[in-house]
Amino acid sequence: MTYLEGKSNKEICQTLGTTLNTIYFARSKALSTLRQIFKEKDISLYSAFMMFIEMMD
């Protein structure tokens, strides 16, 4: 929600009815999972970021 919708952590908490700790934990786990997938597929974070940017245009 932060990256795609531009919402702040507070807005995300209000939308989902959860705490900041939950948001931080979920984001950390999601980024860690993405890093692992990128590593397994030999995709650099820079390449993934560039693909994401292209998708957003």
C-alpha atoms as a PDB file:
ATOM      1  CA  MET A   1       0.000   0.000   0.000  1.00  0.00           C
ATOM      2  CA  THR A   2       2.916   2.306   0.672  1.00  0.00           C
ATOM      3  CA  TYR A   3       4.600   1.634  -2.646  1.00  0.00           C
ATOM      4  CA  LEU A   4       1.575   1.244  -4.909  1.00  0.00           C
ATOM      5  CA  GLU A   5      -0.938   3.592  -3.309  1.00  0.00           C
ATOM      6  CA  GLY A   6       1.389   6.062  -1.608  1.00  0.00           C
ATOM      7  CA  LYS A   7      -0.240   5.599   1.809  1.00  0.00           C
ATOM      8  CA  SER A   8       1.572   6.422   5.035  1.00  0.00           C
ATOM      9  CA  ASN A   9       2.017   3.835   7.766  1.00  0.00           C
ATOM     10  CA  LYS A  10      -0.702   5.555   9.798  1.00  0.00           C
ATOM     11  CA  GLU A  11      -3.140   5.419   6.860  1.00  0.00           C
ATOM     12  CA  ILE A  12      -2.394   1.734   6.348  1.00  0.00           C
ATOM     13  CA  CYS A  13      -3.044   1.047  10.038  1.00  0.00           C
ATOM     14  CA  GLN A  14      -6.395   2.817   9.841  1.00  0.00           C
ATOM     15  CA  THR A  15      -7.377   1.053   6.609  1.00  0.00           C
ATOM     16  CA  LEU A  16      -6.458  -2.412   7.864  1.00  0.00           C
ATOM     17  CA  GLY A  17      -7.366  -1.833  11.510  1.00  0.00           C
ATOM     18  CA  THR A  18      -3.956  -2.953  12.746  1.00  0.00           C
ATOM     19  CA  THR A  19      -0.892  -1.642  14.577  1.00  0.00           C
ATOM     20  CA  LEU A  20       2.346  -0.101  13.346  1.00  0.00           C
ATOM     21  CA  ASN A  21       4.264  -3.131  14.609  1.00  0.00           C
ATOM     22  CA  THR A  22       2.172  -5.398  12.406  1.00  0.00           C
ATOM     23  CA  ILE A  23       2.797  -3.160   9.390  1.00  0.00           C
ATOM     24  CA  TYR A  24       6.564  -3.095  10.008  1.00  0.00           C
ATOM     25  CA  PHE A  25       6.696  -6.876  10.501  1.00  0.00           C
ATOM     26  CA  ALA A  26       4.651  -7.615   7.373  1.00  0.00           C
ATOM     27  CA  ARG A  27       6.736  -5.234   5.241  1.00  0.00           C
ATOM     28  CA  SER A  28       9.981  -6.706   6.551  1.00  0.00           C
ATOM     29  CA  LYS A  29       8.811 -10.254   5.881  1.00  0.00           C
ATOM     30  CA  ALA A  30       7.585  -9.351   2.375  1.00  0.00           C
ATOM     31  CA  LEU A  31      10.874  -7.661   1.434  1.00  0.00           C
ATOM     32  CA  SER A  32      12.872 -10.570   2.840  1.00  0.00           C
ATOM     33  CA  THR A  33      10.795 -13.020   0.794  1.00  0.00           C
ATOM     34  CA  LEU A  34      11.299 -10.948  -2.352  1.00  0.00           C
ATOM     35  CA  ARG A  35      15.063 -10.808  -1.764  1.00  0.00           C
ATOM     36  CA  GLN A  36      15.144 -14.602  -1.413  1.00  0.00           C
ATOM     37  CA  ILE A  37      13.134 -15.109  -4.610  1.00  0.00           C
ATOM     38  CA  PHE A  38      15.366 -12.670  -6.501  1.00  0.00           C
ATOM     39  CA  LYS A  39      18.449 -14.479  -5.219  1.00  0.00           C
ATOM     40  CA  GLU A  40      17.082 -17.894  -6.268  1.00  0.00           C
ATOM     41  CA  LYS A  41      16.232 -16.589  -9.734  1.00  0.00           C
ATOM     42  CA  ASP A  42      19.483 -14.612  -9.981  1.00  0.00           C
ATOM     43  CA  ILE A  43      17.682 -11.295 -10.391  1.00  0.00           C
ATOM     44  CA  SER A  44      19.383  -8.234  -8.945  1.00  0.00           C
ATOM     45  CA  LEU A  45      17.340  -5.805  -6.880  1.00  0.00           C
ATOM     46  CA  TYR A  46      18.222  -3.117  -9.404  1.00  0.00           C
ATOM     47  CA  SER A  47      16.771  -5.207 -12.258  1.00  0.00           C
ATOM     48  CA  ALA A  48      13.622  -5.928 -10.276  1.00  0.00           C
ATOM     49  CA  PHE A  49      13.224  -2.233  -9.447  1.00  0.00           C
ATOM     50  CA  MET A  50      13.605  -1.301 -13.114  1.00  0.00           C
ATOM     51  CA  MET A  51      10.977  -3.892 -14.117  1.00  0.00           C
ATOM     52  CA  PHE A  52       8.639  -2.461 -11.475  1.00  0.00           C
ATOM     53  CA  ILE A  53       9.177   1.077 -12.743  1.00  0.00           C
ATOM     54  CA  GLU A  54       8.413  -0.023 -16.300  1.00  0.00           C
ATOM     55  CA  MET A  55       5.187  -1.681 -15.131  1.00  0.00           C
ATOM     56  CA  MET A  56       4.080   1.546 -13.432  1.00  0.00           C
ATOM     57  CA  ASP A  57       4.426   3.648 -16.610  1.00  0.00           C
END
